[in-house]
C-alpha cells in the first residue's frame, strides 16, 4: 500500500484534472461501474456458502460456452448499475449476442461500455480466481440510441480499460491512457484503495503462460518458440517457468506484475481455418490497452492488437501479450525469422 491513503474515487478525480475540458460525466460513469464490481465481489466471495450461486445455469452464451449462475448475476449487476445513469448510449457484453440498448425510460449519454462480466467463470466452483474485463469508448453514432457502429471499434480508440480480479483479495486495475494503477478492495471500509501506483511491466520476464494441452494444434512458430524458452541457457535467462491458471484475467494480471508472456494462439488443427478463442472486443482490446500503458506489448503474432477493428461483436483473435522483449521475440519466431 502506498504511504498516503488514496481511494479509487479520489484517484479518478485526480485523473479528471488532467482534462480541463472534462464535465465530470466520465468520472460518474466509473463510480457507477465500481459499485457493480463491489456487488459482484460480494457474491463471488460467498459463492461457497450460497449454493444458488454455484454451478451451471443450464444455458450457453453466444460463443457456445456454458453459462454459470455467477455469469448471469455479474451480467445483471453491471447492466442494472449502468442502464439509468445517463452516461451510456449502448452496451455490449460477451454474454449477449447483440448490442444492449439503454431502456427508453432512461437518459442517454456519450459513452459506450463493452464488458466480459465474469471471465474464467468455468473455474468458479474450484475457487479459482475469476474477473471482470471492461472498456469504454466515446460515442460515434448520431442517432438517439447507440448502435453496432459504436461497439465495433479499433482498440486504440478506447477511452479507458480495466479489469477486476476476484481472488484472495479483490483488485481493480485500470487506465485512462495515462499509465496504469491498481487498487485493492478493503472489505472493512468497502473502498478500493491505491495499492499499486504507476504499474510498469518488466521489460523481460521468466514466466510463460499457455495451455500446453493444445500444443499439437499450435502453428509452427509458436511450437518453436515454446521449445526455445524451455531450453536451459543461463546467458539468456532460460528456461522460463510455466504458470497457467486457465482464467485469462488472472494469468494476464500475474504477467503484468511479474513480467513474461501470456499466449493463446489459434488452433491450427485445420491449417486452412485456424480458430482463435479469445474475444477481440471483450478481452484482447482492453487487456492490450492496459499492458501497453504499462510498457508492454500485445500482438496476434504479426499485428498489433490495438490496430484491429472487429467486424462482429464476438470476433476472436490469437493473442500474445506481456513484456516487450518477450513479445518481440515471439513475433520473430511466429514470422519465421528465428
C-alpha atoms as a PDB file:
ATOM      1  CA  UNK A   1       0.000   0.000   0.000  1.00  0.00           C
ATOM      2  CA  UNK A   2       1.289   3.499  -0.780  1.00  0.00           C
ATOM      3  CA  UNK A   3       2.209   5.862   2.078  1.00  0.00           C
ATOM      4  CA  UNK A   4      -0.876   8.053   1.710  1.00  0.00           C
ATOM      5  CA  UNK A   5      -4.368   6.620   1.549  1.00  0.00           C
ATOM      6  CA  UNK A   6      -5.846   7.155  -1.902  1.00  0.00           C
ATOM      7  CA  UNK A   7      -9.282   5.800  -2.705  1.00  0.00           C
ATOM      8  CA  UNK A   8     -10.297   4.875  -6.221  1.00  0.00           C
ATOM      9  CA  UNK A   9     -12.743   7.792  -6.296  1.00  0.00           C
ATOM     10  CA  UNK A  10     -10.004  10.238  -5.312  1.00  0.00           C
ATOM     11  CA  UNK A  11      -7.711   8.802  -7.979  1.00  0.00           C
ATOM     12  CA  UNK A  12     -10.429   9.128 -10.633  1.00  0.00           C
ATOM     13  CA  UNK A  13     -10.955  12.763  -9.628  1.00  0.00           C
ATOM     14  CA  UNK A  14      -7.218  13.418  -9.860  1.00  0.00           C
ATOM     15  CA  UNK A  15      -7.200  11.858 -13.323  1.00  0.00           C
ATOM     16  CA  UNK A  16     -10.069  14.151 -14.285  1.00  0.00           C
ATOM     17  CA  UNK A  17      -7.877  17.209 -13.602  1.00  0.00           C
ATOM     18  CA  UNK A  18      -5.627  16.079 -16.476  1.00  0.00           C
ATOM     19  CA  UNK A  19      -8.516  17.014 -18.768  1.00  0.00           C
ATOM     20  CA  UNK A  20      -9.513  20.675 -18.224  1.00  0.00           C
ATOM     21  CA  UNK A  21     -12.430  20.224 -20.618  1.00  0.00           C
ATOM     22  CA  UNK A  22     -13.901  17.386 -18.521  1.00  0.00           C
ATOM     23  CA  UNK A  23     -17.545  17.675 -17.477  1.00  0.00           C
ATOM     24  CA  UNK A  24     -17.423  15.009 -14.762  1.00  0.00           C
ATOM     25  CA  UNK A  25     -19.675  12.605 -16.688  1.00  0.00           C
ATOM     26  CA  UNK A  26     -16.895  10.112 -17.282  1.00  0.00           C
ATOM     27  CA  UNK A  27     -15.932  10.238 -13.606  1.00  0.00           C
ATOM     28  CA  UNK A  28     -19.508   9.473 -12.545  1.00  0.00           C
ATOM     29  CA  UNK A  29     -19.613   6.613 -15.065  1.00  0.00           C
ATOM     30  CA  UNK A  30     -16.591   4.999 -13.401  1.00  0.00           C
ATOM     31  CA  UNK A  31     -18.136   5.443  -9.959  1.00  0.00           C
ATOM     32  CA  UNK A  32     -21.280   3.584 -11.042  1.00  0.00           C
ATOM     33  CA  UNK A  33     -19.184   0.830 -12.612  1.00  0.00           C
ATOM     34  CA  UNK A  34     -17.201   0.439  -9.388  1.00  0.00           C
ATOM     35  CA  UNK A  35     -20.407  -0.214  -7.438  1.00  0.00           C
ATOM     36  CA  UNK A  36     -21.210  -3.117  -9.763  1.00  0.00           C
ATOM     37  CA  UNK A  37     -17.755  -4.593  -9.139  1.00  0.00           C
ATOM     38  CA  UNK A  38     -18.264  -4.432  -5.373  1.00  0.00           C
ATOM     39  CA  UNK A  39     -21.596  -6.238  -5.686  1.00  0.00           C
ATOM     40  CA  UNK A  40     -20.050  -8.958  -7.855  1.00  0.00           C
ATOM     41  CA  UNK A  41     -17.124  -9.318  -5.435  1.00  0.00           C
ATOM     42  CA  UNK A  42     -19.537  -9.827  -2.556  1.00  0.00           C
ATOM     43  CA  UNK A  43     -21.295 -12.679  -4.367  1.00  0.00           C
ATOM     44  CA  UNK A  44     -18.063 -14.309  -5.557  1.00  0.00           C
ATOM     45  CA  UNK A  45     -16.655 -14.250  -2.031  1.00  0.00           C
ATOM     46  CA  UNK A  46     -19.664 -16.068  -0.584  1.00  0.00           C
ATOM     47  CA  UNK A  47     -20.142 -18.436  -3.518  1.00  0.00           C
ATOM     48  CA  UNK A  48     -19.038 -21.445  -1.487  1.00  0.00           C
ATOM     49  CA  UNK A  49     -21.672 -20.660   1.135  1.00  0.00           C
ATOM     50  CA  UNK A  50     -24.627 -19.992  -1.148  1.00  0.00           C
ATOM     51  CA  UNK A  51     -25.402 -22.974  -3.358  1.00  0.00           C
ATOM     52  CA  UNK A  52     -27.762 -20.947  -5.568  1.00  0.00           C
ATOM     53  CA  UNK A  53     -24.760 -19.023  -6.909  1.00  0.00           C
ATOM     54  CA  UNK A  54     -22.613 -22.020  -7.829  1.00  0.00           C
ATOM     55  CA  UNK A  55     -22.905 -24.303 -10.834  1.00  0.00           C
ATOM     56  CA  UNK A  56     -24.127 -24.048 -14.397  1.00  0.00           C
ATOM     57  CA  UNK A  57     -27.278 -22.156 -15.305  1.00  0.00           C
ATOM     58  CA  UNK A  58     -28.248 -24.764 -17.896  1.00  0.00           C
ATOM     59  CA  UNK A  59     -27.750 -22.480 -20.900  1.00  0.00           C
ATOM     60  CA  UNK A  60     -24.981 -21.468 -23.307  1.00  0.00           C
ATOM     61  CA  UNK A  61     -23.897 -17.994 -24.380  1.00  0.00           C
ATOM     62  CA  UNK A  62     -23.470 -16.785 -27.951  1.00  0.00           C
ATOM     63  CA  UNK A  63     -19.918 -18.161 -28.037  1.00  0.00           C
ATOM     64  CA  UNK A  64     -21.097 -21.645 -27.097  1.00  0.00           C
ATOM     65  CA  UNK A  65     -19.714 -21.568 -23.556  1.00  0.00           C
ATOM     66  CA  UNK A  66     -21.703 -22.947 -20.638  1.00  0.00           C
ATOM     67  CA  UNK A  67     -23.259 -20.080 -18.717  1.00  0.00           C
ATOM     68  CA  UNK A  68     -22.595 -20.232 -14.993  1.00  0.00           C
ATOM     69  CA  UNK A  69     -25.018 -18.769 -12.445  1.00  0.00           C
ATOM     70  CA  UNK A  70     -22.446 -16.178 -11.444  1.00  0.00           C
ATOM     71  CA  UNK A  71     -22.119 -15.173 -15.125  1.00  0.00           C
ATOM     72  CA  UNK A  72     -25.784 -14.282 -15.109  1.00  0.00           C
ATOM     73  CA  UNK A  73     -25.508 -12.449 -11.809  1.00  0.00           C
ATOM     74  CA  UNK A  74     -22.482 -10.407 -12.956  1.00  0.00           C
ATOM     75  CA  UNK A  75     -24.175  -9.578 -16.270  1.00  0.00           C
ATOM     76  CA  UNK A  76     -27.300  -8.395 -14.461  1.00  0.00           C
ATOM     77  CA  UNK A  77     -25.398  -6.325 -11.874  1.00  0.00           C
ATOM     78  CA  UNK A  78     -23.372  -4.425 -14.465  1.00  0.00           C
ATOM     79  CA  UNK A  79     -26.400  -3.781 -16.672  1.00  0.00           C
ATOM     80  CA  UNK A  80     -28.541  -2.511 -13.782  1.00  0.00           C
ATOM     81  CA  UNK A  81     -25.716  -0.339 -12.438  1.00  0.00           C
ATOM     82  CA  UNK A  82     -25.141   1.284 -15.818  1.00  0.00           C
ATOM     83  CA  UNK A  83     -28.510   1.469 -17.606  1.00  0.00           C
ATOM     84  CA  UNK A  84     -30.016   4.512 -15.883  1.00  0.00           C
ATOM     85  CA  UNK A  85     -27.192   6.932 -15.084  1.00  0.00           C
ATOM     86  CA  UNK A  86     -27.334   8.860 -18.337  1.00  0.00           C
ATOM     87  CA  UNK A  87     -23.686   8.104 -19.140  1.00  0.00           C
ATOM     88  CA  UNK A  88     -24.078   5.467 -21.865  1.00  0.00           C
ATOM     89  CA  UNK A  89     -25.757   5.243 -25.253  1.00  0.00           C
ATOM     90  CA  UNK A  90     -25.273   1.473 -25.622  1.00  0.00           C
ATOM     91  CA  UNK A  91     -23.569  -1.549 -24.047  1.00  0.00           C
ATOM     92  CA  UNK A  92     -22.301  -4.877 -25.344  1.00  0.00           C
ATOM     93  CA  UNK A  93     -21.390  -7.999 -23.395  1.00  0.00           C
ATOM     94  CA  UNK A  94     -19.689 -11.294 -24.112  1.00  0.00           C
ATOM     95  CA  UNK A  95     -22.788 -12.996 -22.705  1.00  0.00           C
ATOM     96  CA  UNK A  96     -25.265 -11.337 -25.082  1.00  0.00           C
ATOM     97  CA  UNK A  97     -25.487 -11.890 -28.839  1.00  0.00           C
ATOM     98  CA  UNK A  98     -26.466  -8.363 -29.877  1.00  0.00           C
ATOM     99  CA  UNK A  99     -25.826  -4.874 -28.581  1.00  0.00           C
ATOM    100  CA  UNK A 100     -27.622  -3.938 -25.351  1.00  0.00           C
ATOM    101  CA  UNK A 101     -29.690  -0.756 -25.766  1.00  0.00           C
ATOM    102  CA  UNK A 102     -30.387   1.627 -22.915  1.00  0.00           C
ATOM    103  CA  UNK A 103     -34.047   1.308 -21.837  1.00  0.00           C
ATOM    104  CA  UNK A 104     -36.242   4.032 -23.347  1.00  0.00           C
ATOM    105  CA  UNK A 105     -37.240   5.491 -19.984  1.00  0.00           C
ATOM    106  CA  UNK A 106     -33.648   6.460 -19.122  1.00  0.00           C
ATOM    107  CA  UNK A 107     -31.494   9.312 -20.459  1.00  0.00           C
ATOM    108  CA  UNK A 108     -28.669   8.598 -22.892  1.00  0.00           C
ATOM    109  CA  UNK A 109     -25.032   9.636 -22.664  1.00  0.00           C
ATOM    110  CA  UNK A 110     -21.889   9.967 -24.741  1.00  0.00           C
ATOM    111  CA  UNK A 111     -20.083   6.745 -23.851  1.00  0.00           C
ATOM    112  CA  UNK A 112     -20.105   3.067 -24.849  1.00  0.00           C
ATOM    113  CA  UNK A 113     -19.399   0.218 -22.412  1.00  0.00           C
ATOM    114  CA  UNK A 114     -18.129  -3.194 -23.544  1.00  0.00           C
ATOM    115  CA  UNK A 115     -17.535  -5.912 -20.965  1.00  0.00           C
ATOM    116  CA  UNK A 116     -16.912  -9.536 -20.116  1.00  0.00           C
ATOM    117  CA  UNK A 117     -18.911  -9.834 -16.883  1.00  0.00           C
ATOM    118  CA  UNK A 118     -17.082 -12.838 -15.432  1.00  0.00           C
ATOM    119  CA  UNK A 119     -14.005 -14.091 -17.247  1.00  0.00           C
ATOM    120  CA  UNK A 120     -12.885 -17.575 -16.183  1.00  0.00           C
ATOM    121  CA  UNK A 121     -16.244 -18.420 -14.624  1.00  0.00           C
ATOM    122  CA  UNK A 122     -15.915 -22.114 -15.524  1.00  0.00           C
ATOM    123  CA  UNK A 123     -13.342 -22.249 -12.701  1.00  0.00           C
ATOM    124  CA  UNK A 124     -15.542 -20.683 -10.020  1.00  0.00           C
ATOM    125  CA  UNK A 125     -16.671 -23.976  -8.471  1.00  0.00           C
ATOM    126  CA  UNK A 126     -12.995 -24.841  -7.854  1.00  0.00           C
ATOM    127  CA  UNK A 127     -12.374 -21.499  -6.078  1.00  0.00           C
ATOM    128  CA  UNK A 128     -10.020 -20.297  -8.834  1.00  0.00           C
ATOM    129  CA  UNK A 129      -9.636 -16.541  -9.402  1.00  0.00           C
ATOM    130  CA  UNK A 130     -12.060 -15.022 -11.900  1.00  0.00           C
ATOM    131  CA  UNK A 131     -12.520 -11.475 -13.098  1.00  0.00           C
ATOM    132  CA  UNK A 132     -14.417  -8.769 -14.956  1.00  0.00           C
ATOM    133  CA  UNK A 133     -12.907  -7.060 -18.018  1.00  0.00           C
ATOM    134  CA  UNK A 134     -14.262  -3.789 -19.425  1.00  0.00           C
ATOM    135  CA  UNK A 135     -13.552  -0.957 -21.819  1.00  0.00           C
ATOM    136  CA  UNK A 136     -15.097   2.413 -22.615  1.00  0.00           C
ATOM    137  CA  UNK A 137     -15.328   4.323 -25.897  1.00  0.00           C
ATOM    138  CA  UNK A 138     -16.699   7.703 -26.928  1.00  0.00           C
ATOM    139  CA  UNK A 139     -19.958   7.537 -28.818  1.00  0.00           C
ATOM    140  CA  UNK A 140     -19.613   7.587 -32.612  1.00  0.00           C
ATOM    141  CA  UNK A 141     -23.172   7.339 -33.986  1.00  0.00           C
ATOM    142  CA  UNK A 142     -25.610  10.258 -34.268  1.00  0.00           C
ATOM    143  CA  UNK A 143     -28.994   8.626 -33.641  1.00  0.00           C
ATOM    144  CA  UNK A 144     -30.806   8.749 -30.315  1.00  0.00           C
ATOM    145  CA  UNK A 145     -29.849   5.210 -29.366  1.00  0.00           C
ATOM    146  CA  UNK A 146     -26.341   3.864 -29.720  1.00  0.00           C
ATOM    147  CA  UNK A 147     -25.669   1.361 -32.478  1.00  0.00           C
ATOM    148  CA  UNK A 148     -23.435  -1.508 -33.527  1.00  0.00           C
ATOM    149  CA  UNK A 149     -21.172   1.112 -35.114  1.00  0.00           C
ATOM    150  CA  UNK A 150     -20.369   2.423 -31.630  1.00  0.00           C
ATOM    151  CA  UNK A 151     -19.155  -1.011 -30.496  1.00  0.00           C
ATOM    152  CA  UNK A 152     -17.069  -2.205 -33.464  1.00  0.00           C
ATOM    153  CA  UNK A 153     -14.014  -0.025 -32.918  1.00  0.00           C
ATOM    154  CA  UNK A 154     -10.254  -0.076 -33.183  1.00  0.00           C
ATOM    155  CA  UNK A 155      -8.624  -0.827 -29.844  1.00  0.00           C
ATOM    156  CA  UNK A 156      -6.659   2.417 -29.936  1.00  0.00           C
ATOM    157  CA  UNK A 157      -9.968   4.318 -29.734  1.00  0.00           C
ATOM    158  CA  UNK A 158     -10.578   3.149 -26.158  1.00  0.00           C
ATOM    159  CA  UNK A 159     -11.021   5.956 -23.640  1.00  0.00           C
ATOM    160  CA  UNK A 160     -10.409   3.637 -20.704  1.00  0.00           C
ATOM    161  CA  UNK A 161      -9.975  -0.048 -19.959  1.00  0.00           C
ATOM    162  CA  UNK A 162      -9.705  -2.122 -16.839  1.00  0.00           C
ATOM    163  CA  UNK A 163     -10.266  -5.408 -15.097  1.00  0.00           C
ATOM    164  CA  UNK A 164     -11.123  -6.707 -11.647  1.00  0.00           C
ATOM    165  CA  UNK A 165      -9.608  -9.880 -10.206  1.00  0.00           C
ATOM    166  CA  UNK A 166     -11.788 -11.645  -7.630  1.00  0.00           C
ATOM    167  CA  UNK A 167      -9.167 -13.709  -5.823  1.00  0.00           C
ATOM    168  CA  UNK A 168      -7.622 -13.963  -2.363  1.00  0.00           C
ATOM    169  CA  UNK A 169      -8.144 -10.214  -2.441  1.00  0.00           C
ATOM    170  CA  UNK A 170     -10.195  -8.172  -4.883  1.00  0.00           C
ATOM    171  CA  UNK A 171      -8.071  -5.959  -7.095  1.00  0.00           C
ATOM    172  CA  UNK A 172      -9.090  -3.421  -9.723  1.00  0.00           C
ATOM    173  CA  UNK A 173      -6.597  -2.312 -12.385  1.00  0.00           C
ATOM    174  CA  UNK A 174      -7.420   0.425 -14.874  1.00  0.00           C
ATOM    175  CA  UNK A 175      -6.045   3.006 -17.287  1.00  0.00           C
ATOM    176  CA  UNK A 176      -7.429   6.124 -18.928  1.00  0.00           C
ATOM    177  CA  UNK A 177      -4.420   6.450 -21.198  1.00  0.00           C
ATOM    178  CA  UNK A 178      -2.130   7.995 -18.580  1.00  0.00           C
ATOM    179  CA  UNK A 179      -0.452   4.918 -17.110  1.00  0.00           C
ATOM    180  CA  UNK A 180      -1.874   2.040 -15.096  1.00  0.00           C
ATOM    181  CA  UNK A 181      -2.882   1.931 -11.436  1.00  0.00           C
ATOM    182  CA  UNK A 182      -4.081  -0.916  -9.229  1.00  0.00           C
ATOM    183  CA  UNK A 183      -6.456  -0.781  -6.251  1.00  0.00           C
ATOM    184  CA  UNK A 184      -7.209  -3.400  -3.618  1.00  0.00           C
ATOM    185  CA  UNK A 185     -10.644  -3.624  -2.008  1.00  0.00           C
ATOM    186  CA  UNK A 186     -10.577  -3.131   1.753  1.00  0.00           C
ATOM    187  CA  UNK A 187     -13.651  -5.119   2.840  1.00  0.00           C
ATOM    188  CA  UNK A 188     -13.802  -3.379   6.222  1.00  0.00           C
ATOM    189  CA  UNK A 189     -14.165   0.020   4.508  1.00  0.00           C
ATOM    190  CA  UNK A 190     -15.878  -1.095   1.331  1.00  0.00           C
ATOM    191  CA  UNK A 191     -13.390   1.014  -0.599  1.00  0.00           C
ATOM    192  CA  UNK A 192     -10.831   0.308  -3.298  1.00  0.00           C
ATOM    193  CA  UNK A 193      -7.517   1.741  -2.043  1.00  0.00           C
ATOM    194  CA  UNK A 194      -4.492   2.503  -4.203  1.00  0.00           C
ATOM    195  CA  UNK A 195      -2.034  -0.372  -3.706  1.00  0.00           C
ATOM    196  CA  UNK A 196      -0.110  -0.442  -6.989  1.00  0.00           C
ATOM    197  CA  UNK A 197       0.558   3.077  -8.310  1.00  0.00           C
ATOM    198  CA  UNK A 198       2.131   3.536 -11.740  1.00  0.00           C
ATOM    199  CA  UNK A 199       2.371  -0.161 -12.662  1.00  0.00           C
ATOM    200  CA  UNK A 200       5.180  -0.944 -15.125  1.00  0.00           C
ATOM    201  CA  UNK A 201       5.631  -4.385 -16.605  1.00  0.00           C
ATOM    202  CA  UNK A 202       9.252  -5.666 -16.538  1.00  0.00           C
ATOM    203  CA  UNK A 203      10.991  -5.413 -19.916  1.00  0.00           C
ATOM    204  CA  UNK A 204      11.502  -9.168 -19.793  1.00  0.00           C
ATOM    205  CA  UNK A 205      10.256 -11.912 -17.537  1.00  0.00           C
ATOM    206  CA  UNK A 206      10.931 -15.548 -16.820  1.00  0.00           C
ATOM    207  CA  UNK A 207       7.370 -16.893 -16.861  1.00  0.00           C
ATOM    208  CA  UNK A 208       5.303 -18.081 -19.802  1.00  0.00           C
ATOM    209  CA  UNK A 209       1.597 -18.793 -19.628  1.00  0.00           C
ATOM    210  CA  UNK A 210      -0.084 -21.001 -22.209  1.00  0.00           C
ATOM    211  CA  UNK A 211      -2.368 -24.029 -22.358  1.00  0.00           C
ATOM    212  CA  UNK A 212       0.136 -26.693 -23.372  1.00  0.00           C
ATOM    213  CA  UNK A 213      -2.680 -29.192 -23.755  1.00  0.00           C
ATOM    214  CA  UNK A 214      -3.235 -27.586 -27.167  1.00  0.00           C
ATOM    215  CA  UNK A 215       0.409 -27.889 -28.245  1.00  0.00           C
ATOM    216  CA  UNK A 216      -0.292 -30.315 -31.092  1.00  0.00           C
ATOM    217  CA  UNK A 217      -2.503 -27.731 -32.767  1.00  0.00           C
ATOM    218  CA  UNK A 218      -0.269 -24.652 -32.499  1.00  0.00           C
ATOM    219  CA  UNK A 219       1.289 -23.042 -35.554  1.00  0.00           C
ATOM    220  CA  UNK A 220       4.936 -23.965 -36.224  1.00  0.00           C
ATOM    221  CA  UNK A 221       6.292 -20.621 -34.978  1.00  0.00           C
ATOM    222  CA  UNK A 222       4.562 -20.919 -31.607  1.00  0.00           C
ATOM    223  CA  UNK A 223       5.737 -24.511 -31.170  1.00  0.00           C
ATOM    224  CA  UNK A 224       9.316 -23.492 -31.921  1.00  0.00           C
ATOM    225  CA  UNK A 225       9.131 -20.512 -29.545  1.00  0.00           C
ATOM    226  CA  UNK A 226       7.863 -22.587 -26.623  1.00  0.00           C
ATOM    227  CA  UNK A 227      10.587 -25.178 -27.231  1.00  0.00           C
ATOM    228  CA  UNK A 228      13.176 -22.385 -27.222  1.00  0.00           C
ATOM    229  CA  UNK A 229      12.136 -20.763 -23.931  1.00  0.00           C
ATOM    230  CA  UNK A 230      12.049 -24.200 -22.232  1.00  0.00           C
ATOM    231  CA  UNK A 231      15.695 -24.886 -23.106  1.00  0.00           C
ATOM    232  CA  UNK A 232      18.360 -24.194 -20.488  1.00  0.00           C
ATOM    233  CA  UNK A 233      20.672 -21.269 -21.240  1.00  0.00           C
ATOM    234  CA  UNK A 234      21.765 -19.096 -18.319  1.00  0.00           C
ATOM    235  CA  UNK A 235      23.088 -16.406 -20.660  1.00  0.00           C
ATOM    236  CA  UNK A 236      19.567 -15.744 -21.950  1.00  0.00           C
ATOM    237  CA  UNK A 237      17.722 -16.311 -18.660  1.00  0.00           C
ATOM    238  CA  UNK A 238      16.252 -19.666 -19.736  1.00  0.00           C
ATOM    239  CA  UNK A 239      14.431 -21.893 -19.116  1.00  0.00           C
ATOM    240  CA  UNK A 240      11.233 -19.994 -18.418  1.00  0.00           C
ATOM    241  CA  UNK A 241       8.762 -21.342 -15.865  1.00  0.00           C
ATOM    242  CA  UNK A 242       5.250 -22.337 -16.899  1.00  0.00           C
ATOM    243  CA  UNK A 243       2.398 -20.748 -14.926  1.00  0.00           C
ATOM    244  CA  UNK A 244      -1.105 -21.261 -16.292  1.00  0.00           C
ATOM    245  CA  UNK A 245      -4.273 -20.654 -14.272  1.00  0.00           C
ATOM    246  CA  UNK A 246      -6.785 -21.007 -17.089  1.00  0.00           C
ATOM    247  CA  UNK A 247      -8.509 -17.743 -16.192  1.00  0.00           C
ATOM    248  CA  UNK A 248      -7.249 -15.170 -18.703  1.00  0.00           C
ATOM    249  CA  UNK A 249      -7.743 -12.170 -16.434  1.00  0.00           C
ATOM    250  CA  UNK A 250      -5.719 -13.819 -13.646  1.00  0.00           C
ATOM    251  CA  UNK A 251      -2.965 -15.016 -15.990  1.00  0.00           C
ATOM    252  CA  UNK A 252      -2.543 -11.583 -17.596  1.00  0.00           C
ATOM    253  CA  UNK A 253      -2.652  -9.903 -14.166  1.00  0.00           C
ATOM    254  CA  UNK A 254       0.276 -12.019 -12.997  1.00  0.00           C
ATOM    255  CA  UNK A 255       2.123 -11.320 -16.250  1.00  0.00           C
ATOM    256  CA  UNK A 256       1.573  -7.575 -15.798  1.00  0.00           C
ATOM    257  CA  UNK A 257       3.095  -7.625 -12.315  1.00  0.00           C
ATOM    258  CA  UNK A 258       5.897 -10.180 -12.774  1.00  0.00           C
ATOM    259  CA  UNK A 259       6.703  -9.953 -16.466  1.00  0.00           C
ATOM    260  CA  UNK A 260       6.886 -12.671 -19.097  1.00  0.00           C
ATOM    261  CA  UNK A 261       4.323 -13.600 -21.707  1.00  0.00           C
ATOM    262  CA  UNK A 262       0.759 -14.910 -21.928  1.00  0.00           C
ATOM    263  CA  UNK A 263      -0.184 -16.661 -25.155  1.00  0.00           C
ATOM    264  CA  UNK A 264      -3.373 -18.041 -26.603  1.00  0.00           C
ATOM    265  CA  UNK A 265      -2.541 -18.881 -30.242  1.00  0.00           C
ATOM    266  CA  UNK A 266      -5.075 -20.036 -32.787  1.00  0.00           C
ATOM    267  CA  UNK A 267      -5.943 -23.716 -33.031  1.00  0.00           C
ATOM    268  CA  UNK A 268      -4.429 -24.855 -36.350  1.00  0.00           C
ATOM    269  CA  UNK A 269      -5.914 -28.337 -36.419  1.00  0.00           C
ATOM    270  CA  UNK A 270      -7.201 -27.279 -39.826  1.00  0.00           C
ATOM    271  CA  UNK A 271      -4.377 -25.073 -41.228  1.00  0.00           C
ATOM    272  CA  UNK A 272      -6.811 -23.564 -43.741  1.00  0.00           C
ATOM    273  CA  UNK A 273      -9.200 -22.459 -40.999  1.00  0.00           C
ATOM    274  CA  UNK A 274      -7.308 -21.603 -37.795  1.00  0.00           C
ATOM    275  CA  UNK A 275      -9.635 -20.979 -34.855  1.00  0.00           C
ATOM    276  CA  UNK A 276      -8.865 -18.415 -32.161  1.00  0.00           C
ATOM    277  CA  UNK A 277     -10.523 -18.471 -28.732  1.00  0.00           C
ATOM    278  CA  UNK A 278     -10.231 -15.047 -27.108  1.00  0.00           C
ATOM    279  CA  UNK A 279     -12.699 -12.301 -27.964  1.00  0.00           C
ATOM    280  CA  UNK A 280     -11.173  -9.211 -29.529  1.00  0.00           C
ATOM    281  CA  UNK A 281     -13.764  -6.758 -28.222  1.00  0.00           C
ATOM    282  CA  UNK A 282     -14.221  -8.010 -24.674  1.00  0.00           C
ATOM    283  CA  UNK A 283     -10.808  -9.489 -23.795  1.00  0.00           C
ATOM    284  CA  UNK A 284      -7.953  -8.698 -26.176  1.00  0.00           C
ATOM    285  CA  UNK A 285      -8.623  -4.978 -26.728  1.00  0.00           C
ATOM    286  CA  UNK A 286      -8.976  -3.891 -23.070  1.00  0.00           C
ATOM    287  CA  UNK A 287      -6.136  -6.093 -21.825  1.00  0.00           C
ATOM    288  CA  UNK A 288      -3.884  -4.844 -24.612  1.00  0.00           C
ATOM    289  CA  UNK A 289      -4.545  -1.199 -23.754  1.00  0.00           C
ATOM    290  CA  UNK A 290      -3.686  -1.855 -20.112  1.00  0.00           C
ATOM    291  CA  UNK A 291      -0.487  -3.763 -20.878  1.00  0.00           C
ATOM    292  CA  UNK A 292       0.675  -1.216 -23.459  1.00  0.00           C
ATOM    293  CA  UNK A 293       0.049   1.621 -20.995  1.00  0.00           C
ATOM    294  CA  UNK A 294       2.275  -0.284 -18.549  1.00  0.00           C
ATOM    295  CA  UNK A 295       5.084  -0.503 -21.129  1.00  0.00           C
ATOM    296  CA  UNK A 296       4.251  -3.924 -22.569  1.00  0.00           C
ATOM    297  CA  UNK A 297       3.102  -5.182 -25.943  1.00  0.00           C
ATOM    298  CA  UNK A 298       0.196  -7.178 -27.383  1.00  0.00           C
ATOM    299  CA  UNK A 299       0.069  -8.844 -30.785  1.00  0.00           C
ATOM    300  CA  UNK A 300      -1.594 -11.560 -32.837  1.00  0.00           C
ATOM    301  CA  UNK A 301       1.902 -12.616 -33.858  1.00  0.00           C
ATOM    302  CA  UNK A 302       2.055 -10.301 -36.836  1.00  0.00           C
ATOM    303  CA  UNK A 303      -0.301  -7.428 -35.975  1.00  0.00           C
ATOM    304  CA  UNK A 304      -0.679  -5.044 -33.035  1.00  0.00           C
ATOM    305  CA  UNK A 305      -3.926  -5.921 -31.261  1.00  0.00           C
ATOM    306  CA  UNK A 306      -4.979  -2.290 -30.765  1.00  0.00           C
ATOM    307  CA  UNK A 307      -4.825  -1.692 -34.520  1.00  0.00           C
ATOM    308  CA  UNK A 308      -7.514  -4.305 -35.180  1.00  0.00           C
ATOM    309  CA  UNK A 309     -11.105  -3.309 -35.920  1.00  0.00           C
ATOM    310  CA  UNK A 310     -13.662  -6.079 -35.269  1.00  0.00           C
ATOM    311  CA  UNK A 311     -16.161  -6.987 -37.951  1.00  0.00           C
ATOM    312  CA  UNK A 312     -18.543  -8.559 -35.435  1.00  0.00           C
ATOM    313  CA  UNK A 313     -19.203  -8.268 -31.701  1.00  0.00           C
ATOM    314  CA  UNK A 314     -17.876 -11.726 -30.879  1.00  0.00           C
ATOM    315  CA  UNK A 315     -14.905 -11.905 -33.234  1.00  0.00           C
ATOM    316  CA  UNK A 316     -11.975 -13.945 -31.894  1.00  0.00           C
ATOM    317  CA  UNK A 317      -8.235 -13.408 -32.251  1.00  0.00           C
ATOM    318  CA  UNK A 318      -4.979 -15.123 -31.270  1.00  0.00           C
ATOM    319  CA  UNK A 319      -3.112 -13.205 -28.582  1.00  0.00           C
ATOM    320  CA  UNK A 320       0.452 -12.854 -27.292  1.00  0.00           C
ATOM    321  CA  UNK A 321       0.725 -10.238 -24.540  1.00  0.00           C
ATOM    322  CA  UNK A 322       3.292  -9.259 -21.938  1.00  0.00           C
ATOM    323  CA  UNK A 323       6.820  -7.925 -21.553  1.00  0.00           C
ATOM    324  CA  UNK A 324       8.029  -6.068 -24.649  1.00  0.00           C
ATOM    325  CA  UNK A 325      11.187  -8.137 -25.131  1.00  0.00           C
ATOM    326  CA  UNK A 326       9.328 -11.425 -24.731  1.00  0.00           C
ATOM    327  CA  UNK A 327       6.545 -10.447 -27.126  1.00  0.00           C
ATOM    328  CA  UNK A 328       9.105  -9.131 -29.602  1.00  0.00           C
ATOM    329  CA  UNK A 329      10.962 -12.442 -29.537  1.00  0.00           C
ATOM    330  CA  UNK A 330       7.707 -14.352 -30.015  1.00  0.00           C
ATOM    331  CA  UNK A 331       6.965 -12.299 -33.116  1.00  0.00           C
ATOM    332  CA  UNK A 332      10.339 -13.311 -34.564  1.00  0.00           C
ATOM    333  CA  UNK A 333       9.507 -16.995 -34.132  1.00  0.00           C
ATOM    334  CA  UNK A 334       5.940 -16.536 -35.363  1.00  0.00           C
ATOM    335  CA  UNK A 335       7.144 -14.846 -38.565  1.00  0.00           C
ATOM    336  CA  UNK A 336       9.822 -17.495 -39.188  1.00  0.00           C
ATOM    337  CA  UNK A 337      12.744 -15.120 -38.679  1.00  0.00           C
ATOM    338  CA  UNK A 338      14.124 -17.441 -35.998  1.00  0.00           C
END
